[in-house]
């Protein structure tokens, strides 16, 4: 099904160009992530995905099914926040080795995920795996920051849901791809 969606989209767009336009000094790694809670009708596992930007340049994109069943939409979104955080921290540390200090911002359209990431401990969320609490410490130590992005403009929505062609084209137009 997923490959059929990709093939259908590529057939509708005969030519694509990944644009790396000139930009001033890069100061930020920006990640947008999203998740669909229990989107797989058979396994009830969530699908997550996102995009990683270096300044305005798109440098990575991913999508995949979560390893376990998430028990709430907030948990599914928070797990994807952690996934994006791990990817972004790798990039941040890679550039730090080259002498560039970049800020890492992870954006999501989920207020619940930002709430979980902004506090310490599980709070009222009783089923969150402890292995995901590292993100809270990274936020607290200011190694990364969390940001709310409007669901209507969250480009990573296309990584997690089957969208109507007009919505897919709308989100694709927000990427540095022509």
C-alpha atoms as a PDB file:
ATOM      1  CA  UNK A   1       0.000   0.000   0.000  1.00  0.00           C
ATOM      2  CA  UNK A   2       2.745   2.459   0.946  1.00  0.00           C
ATOM      3  CA  UNK A   3       4.780   1.697  -2.182  1.00  0.00           C
ATOM      4  CA  UNK A   4       1.627   2.091  -4.290  1.00  0.00           C
ATOM      5  CA  UNK A   5       1.076   5.558  -2.773  1.00  0.00           C
ATOM      6  CA  UNK A   6       4.668   6.586  -3.505  1.00  0.00           C
ATOM      7  CA  UNK A   7       4.512   5.224  -7.054  1.00  0.00           C
ATOM      8  CA  UNK A   8       1.218   7.021  -7.659  1.00  0.00           C
ATOM      9  CA  UNK A   9       2.672  10.320  -6.458  1.00  0.00           C
ATOM     10  CA  UNK A  10       5.860   9.951  -8.494  1.00  0.00           C
ATOM     11  CA  UNK A  11       3.825   9.135 -11.596  1.00  0.00           C
ATOM     12  CA  UNK A  12       1.888  12.380 -11.139  1.00  0.00           C
ATOM     13  CA  UNK A  13       5.117  14.391 -10.901  1.00  0.00           C
ATOM     14  CA  UNK A  14       7.368  13.377 -13.799  1.00  0.00           C
ATOM     15  CA  UNK A  15      10.339  15.452 -12.678  1.00  0.00           C
ATOM     16  CA  UNK A  16      11.541  16.553  -9.243  1.00  0.00           C
ATOM     17  CA  UNK A  17      14.485  18.638  -8.109  1.00  0.00           C
ATOM     18  CA  UNK A  18      15.868  18.740  -4.560  1.00  0.00           C
ATOM     19  CA  UNK A  19      16.819  22.398  -4.051  1.00  0.00           C
ATOM     20  CA  UNK A  20      19.810  23.564  -2.005  1.00  0.00           C
ATOM     21  CA  UNK A  21      19.515  27.330  -2.439  1.00  0.00           C
ATOM     22  CA  UNK A  22      22.185  29.638  -1.049  1.00  0.00           C
ATOM     23  CA  UNK A  23      21.581  30.599   2.569  1.00  0.00           C
ATOM     24  CA  UNK A  24      23.398  32.721   5.083  1.00  0.00           C
ATOM     25  CA  UNK A  25      25.172  31.188   8.071  1.00  0.00           C
ATOM     26  CA  UNK A  26      23.343  28.157   9.418  1.00  0.00           C
ATOM     27  CA  UNK A  27      22.432  28.421  13.100  1.00  0.00           C
ATOM     28  CA  UNK A  28      19.796  25.736  13.570  1.00  0.00           C
ATOM     29  CA  UNK A  29      18.877  22.144  12.961  1.00  0.00           C
ATOM     30  CA  UNK A  30      15.095  22.005  12.673  1.00  0.00           C
ATOM     31  CA  UNK A  31      13.068  18.799  12.829  1.00  0.00           C
ATOM     32  CA  UNK A  32       9.346  18.346  12.222  1.00  0.00           C
ATOM     33  CA  UNK A  33       7.830  15.061  13.334  1.00  0.00           C
ATOM     34  CA  UNK A  34       4.425  13.462  13.385  1.00  0.00           C
ATOM     35  CA  UNK A  35       2.754  10.202  14.286  1.00  0.00           C
ATOM     36  CA  UNK A  36      -0.543   8.515  13.563  1.00  0.00           C
ATOM     37  CA  UNK A  37      -1.794   6.762  16.644  1.00  0.00           C
ATOM     38  CA  UNK A  38      -2.601   3.062  16.044  1.00  0.00           C
ATOM     39  CA  UNK A  39      -2.776   3.659  12.299  1.00  0.00           C
ATOM     40  CA  UNK A  40      -2.109   0.038  11.318  1.00  0.00           C
ATOM     41  CA  UNK A  41      -5.507  -1.660  11.381  1.00  0.00           C
ATOM     42  CA  UNK A  42      -4.002  -5.123  11.966  1.00  0.00           C
ATOM     43  CA  UNK A  43      -1.218  -4.554  14.535  1.00  0.00           C
ATOM     44  CA  UNK A  44      -2.556  -1.243  15.962  1.00  0.00           C
ATOM     45  CA  UNK A  45       0.992   0.089  15.905  1.00  0.00           C
ATOM     46  CA  UNK A  46       1.584   3.736  15.129  1.00  0.00           C
ATOM     47  CA  UNK A  47       3.529   5.085  12.180  1.00  0.00           C
ATOM     48  CA  UNK A  48       5.887   7.977  12.708  1.00  0.00           C
ATOM     49  CA  UNK A  49       7.968  10.135  10.437  1.00  0.00           C
ATOM     50  CA  UNK A  50       9.555  13.470   9.951  1.00  0.00           C
ATOM     51  CA  UNK A  51      11.950  15.766   8.176  1.00  0.00           C
ATOM     52  CA  UNK A  52      15.292  17.197   9.281  1.00  0.00           C
ATOM     53  CA  UNK A  53      16.460  20.575   8.035  1.00  0.00           C
ATOM     54  CA  UNK A  54      19.853  22.251   8.270  1.00  0.00           C
ATOM     55  CA  UNK A  55      18.807  25.853   8.015  1.00  0.00           C
ATOM     56  CA  UNK A  56      16.454  25.763   5.011  1.00  0.00           C
ATOM     57  CA  UNK A  57      18.054  22.670   3.487  1.00  0.00           C
ATOM     58  CA  UNK A  58      16.213  19.367   3.771  1.00  0.00           C
ATOM     59  CA  UNK A  59      18.881  16.835   4.765  1.00  0.00           C
ATOM     60  CA  UNK A  60      16.875  13.824   5.927  1.00  0.00           C
ATOM     61  CA  UNK A  61      13.410  12.336   6.016  1.00  0.00           C
ATOM     62  CA  UNK A  62      12.130   9.141   7.583  1.00  0.00           C
ATOM     63  CA  UNK A  63       9.044   7.103   8.169  1.00  0.00           C
ATOM     64  CA  UNK A  64       8.452   3.815   9.935  1.00  0.00           C
ATOM     65  CA  UNK A  65       6.267   1.835  12.265  1.00  0.00           C
ATOM     66  CA  UNK A  66       6.797   2.072  16.012  1.00  0.00           C
ATOM     67  CA  UNK A  67       8.188  -1.065  17.628  1.00  0.00           C
ATOM     68  CA  UNK A  68       5.374  -1.434  20.140  1.00  0.00           C
ATOM     69  CA  UNK A  69       1.740  -0.449  20.474  1.00  0.00           C
ATOM     70  CA  UNK A  70       1.390   3.085  21.835  1.00  0.00           C
ATOM     71  CA  UNK A  71      -1.435   3.358  24.359  1.00  0.00           C
ATOM     72  CA  UNK A  72      -2.360   6.980  23.604  1.00  0.00           C
ATOM     73  CA  UNK A  73      -1.941   9.548  20.857  1.00  0.00           C
ATOM     74  CA  UNK A  74       0.240  11.627  23.211  1.00  0.00           C
ATOM     75  CA  UNK A  75       2.553   8.668  23.735  1.00  0.00           C
ATOM     76  CA  UNK A  76       2.754   8.004  19.972  1.00  0.00           C
ATOM     77  CA  UNK A  77       3.642  11.647  19.297  1.00  0.00           C
ATOM     78  CA  UNK A  78       6.166  11.721  22.154  1.00  0.00           C
ATOM     79  CA  UNK A  79       7.905   8.571  20.857  1.00  0.00           C
ATOM     80  CA  UNK A  80       8.279  10.306  17.479  1.00  0.00           C
ATOM     81  CA  UNK A  81       9.572  13.428  19.254  1.00  0.00           C
ATOM     82  CA  UNK A  82      12.278  11.199  20.770  1.00  0.00           C
ATOM     83  CA  UNK A  83      13.015   9.680  17.374  1.00  0.00           C
ATOM     84  CA  UNK A  84      13.492  13.130  15.862  1.00  0.00           C
ATOM     85  CA  UNK A  85      15.511  14.225  18.895  1.00  0.00           C
ATOM     86  CA  UNK A  86      17.933  11.324  18.543  1.00  0.00           C
ATOM     87  CA  UNK A  87      18.421  12.065  14.835  1.00  0.00           C
ATOM     88  CA  UNK A  88      18.879  15.774  15.503  1.00  0.00           C
ATOM     89  CA  UNK A  89      21.350  15.246  18.340  1.00  0.00           C
ATOM     90  CA  UNK A  90      23.463  13.054  16.066  1.00  0.00           C
ATOM     91  CA  UNK A  91      23.578  15.859  13.486  1.00  0.00           C
ATOM     92  CA  UNK A  92      24.209  18.498  16.158  1.00  0.00           C
ATOM     93  CA  UNK A  93      27.150  16.565  17.609  1.00  0.00           C
ATOM     94  CA  UNK A  94      28.529  15.847  14.132  1.00  0.00           C
ATOM     95  CA  UNK A  95      28.638  19.569  13.365  1.00  0.00           C
ATOM     96  CA  UNK A  96      30.037  20.341  16.829  1.00  0.00           C
ATOM     97  CA  UNK A  97      32.994  18.097  15.925  1.00  0.00           C
ATOM     98  CA  UNK A  98      33.542  20.412  12.936  1.00  0.00           C
ATOM     99  CA  UNK A  99      33.424  23.488  15.167  1.00  0.00           C
ATOM    100  CA  UNK A 100      29.847  24.588  14.398  1.00  0.00           C
ATOM    101  CA  UNK A 101      27.553  25.107  17.389  1.00  0.00           C
ATOM    102  CA  UNK A 102      23.966  24.731  16.183  1.00  0.00           C
ATOM    103  CA  UNK A 103      20.685  24.966  18.065  1.00  0.00           C
ATOM    104  CA  UNK A 104      18.379  21.955  17.757  1.00  0.00           C
ATOM    105  CA  UNK A 105      14.641  22.561  17.556  1.00  0.00           C
ATOM    106  CA  UNK A 106      12.120  19.736  17.337  1.00  0.00           C
ATOM    107  CA  UNK A 107       8.613  20.670  16.244  1.00  0.00           C
ATOM    108  CA  UNK A 108       5.396  18.708  16.615  1.00  0.00           C
ATOM    109  CA  UNK A 109       1.709  19.458  16.326  1.00  0.00           C
ATOM    110  CA  UNK A 110       1.041  17.608  19.596  1.00  0.00           C
ATOM    111  CA  UNK A 111       0.617  19.680  22.753  1.00  0.00           C
ATOM    112  CA  UNK A 112       0.575  16.452  24.789  1.00  0.00           C
ATOM    113  CA  UNK A 113       4.002  15.393  23.461  1.00  0.00           C
ATOM    114  CA  UNK A 114       5.459  18.828  24.200  1.00  0.00           C
ATOM    115  CA  UNK A 115       3.964  18.642  27.694  1.00  0.00           C
ATOM    116  CA  UNK A 116       5.549  15.233  28.339  1.00  0.00           C
ATOM    117  CA  UNK A 117       8.890  16.416  26.959  1.00  0.00           C
ATOM    118  CA  UNK A 118       8.880  19.639  28.968  1.00  0.00           C
ATOM    119  CA  UNK A 119       8.479  18.130  32.428  1.00  0.00           C
ATOM    120  CA  UNK A 120      10.495  15.648  34.465  1.00  0.00           C
ATOM    121  CA  UNK A 121       9.172  12.142  35.004  1.00  0.00           C
ATOM    122  CA  UNK A 122       6.122  10.418  33.648  1.00  0.00           C
ATOM    123  CA  UNK A 123       3.553  12.591  35.433  1.00  0.00           C
ATOM    124  CA  UNK A 124       0.079  11.185  34.826  1.00  0.00           C
ATOM    125  CA  UNK A 125       1.257   9.099  31.874  1.00  0.00           C
ATOM    126  CA  UNK A 126       1.609   5.692  33.515  1.00  0.00           C
ATOM    127  CA  UNK A 127       2.539   3.579  30.510  1.00  0.00           C
ATOM    128  CA  UNK A 128       5.492   5.500  29.065  1.00  0.00           C
ATOM    129  CA  UNK A 129       8.694   3.459  28.732  1.00  0.00           C
ATOM    130  CA  UNK A 130      11.528   4.852  30.846  1.00  0.00           C
ATOM    131  CA  UNK A 131      13.885   4.662  27.859  1.00  0.00           C
ATOM    132  CA  UNK A 132      12.129   7.718  26.386  1.00  0.00           C
ATOM    133  CA  UNK A 133      12.681  10.030  29.380  1.00  0.00           C
ATOM    134  CA  UNK A 134      16.149  11.103  28.146  1.00  0.00           C
ATOM    135  CA  UNK A 135      14.468  13.772  26.022  1.00  0.00           C
ATOM    136  CA  UNK A 136      13.197  15.561  29.125  1.00  0.00           C
ATOM    137  CA  UNK A 137      16.759  15.948  30.411  1.00  0.00           C
ATOM    138  CA  UNK A 138      17.942  17.178  27.007  1.00  0.00           C
ATOM    139  CA  UNK A 139      15.214  19.853  27.068  1.00  0.00           C
ATOM    140  CA  UNK A 140      16.030  20.792  30.666  1.00  0.00           C
ATOM    141  CA  UNK A 141      19.764  21.134  29.889  1.00  0.00           C
ATOM    142  CA  UNK A 142      18.881  23.251  26.807  1.00  0.00           C
ATOM    143  CA  UNK A 143      20.591  20.826  24.439  1.00  0.00           C
ATOM    144  CA  UNK A 144      17.419  21.024  22.370  1.00  0.00           C
ATOM    145  CA  UNK A 145      14.138  22.868  22.445  1.00  0.00           C
ATOM    146  CA  UNK A 146      10.601  21.849  21.621  1.00  0.00           C
ATOM    147  CA  UNK A 147       8.268  23.878  19.454  1.00  0.00           C
ATOM    148  CA  UNK A 148       4.586  23.660  18.568  1.00  0.00           C
ATOM    149  CA  UNK A 149       3.795  23.630  14.862  1.00  0.00           C
ATOM    150  CA  UNK A 150       0.277  23.966  13.485  1.00  0.00           C
ATOM    151  CA  UNK A 151      -1.157  20.644  12.333  1.00  0.00           C
ATOM    152  CA  UNK A 152      -2.255  22.219   9.046  1.00  0.00           C
ATOM    153  CA  UNK A 153       1.333  23.158   8.173  1.00  0.00           C
ATOM    154  CA  UNK A 154       3.175  20.154   9.652  1.00  0.00           C
ATOM    155  CA  UNK A 155       4.970  18.774   6.585  1.00  0.00           C
ATOM    156  CA  UNK A 156       5.655  15.441   8.257  1.00  0.00           C
ATOM    157  CA  UNK A 157       1.921  14.708   8.134  1.00  0.00           C
ATOM    158  CA  UNK A 158       2.603  13.180   4.715  1.00  0.00           C
ATOM    159  CA  UNK A 159       4.984  10.678   6.322  1.00  0.00           C
ATOM    160  CA  UNK A 160       2.307   9.131   8.522  1.00  0.00           C
ATOM    161  CA  UNK A 161      -1.084   9.293   6.826  1.00  0.00           C
ATOM    162  CA  UNK A 162      -2.634   8.496   3.491  1.00  0.00           C
ATOM    163  CA  UNK A 163      -3.538  11.947   2.229  1.00  0.00           C
ATOM    164  CA  UNK A 164      -5.719  13.204  -0.580  1.00  0.00           C
ATOM    165  CA  UNK A 165      -3.628  14.213  -3.624  1.00  0.00           C
ATOM    166  CA  UNK A 166      -4.364  17.939  -3.147  1.00  0.00           C
ATOM    167  CA  UNK A 167      -3.200  17.825   0.493  1.00  0.00           C
ATOM    168  CA  UNK A 168      -0.099  15.843  -0.475  1.00  0.00           C
ATOM    169  CA  UNK A 169       0.804  18.365  -3.196  1.00  0.00           C
ATOM    170  CA  UNK A 170       0.185  21.217  -0.744  1.00  0.00           C
ATOM    171  CA  UNK A 171       2.622  19.746   1.802  1.00  0.00           C
ATOM    172  CA  UNK A 172       5.174  18.810  -0.868  1.00  0.00           C
ATOM    173  CA  UNK A 173       5.166  22.439  -2.037  1.00  0.00           C
ATOM    174  CA  UNK A 174       6.369  23.426   1.453  1.00  0.00           C
ATOM    175  CA  UNK A 175       9.546  21.346   1.021  1.00  0.00           C
ATOM    176  CA  UNK A 176      12.613  22.519  -0.911  1.00  0.00           C
ATOM    177  CA  UNK A 177      11.648  20.156  -3.716  1.00  0.00           C
ATOM    178  CA  UNK A 178      10.310  21.332  -7.072  1.00  0.00           C
END
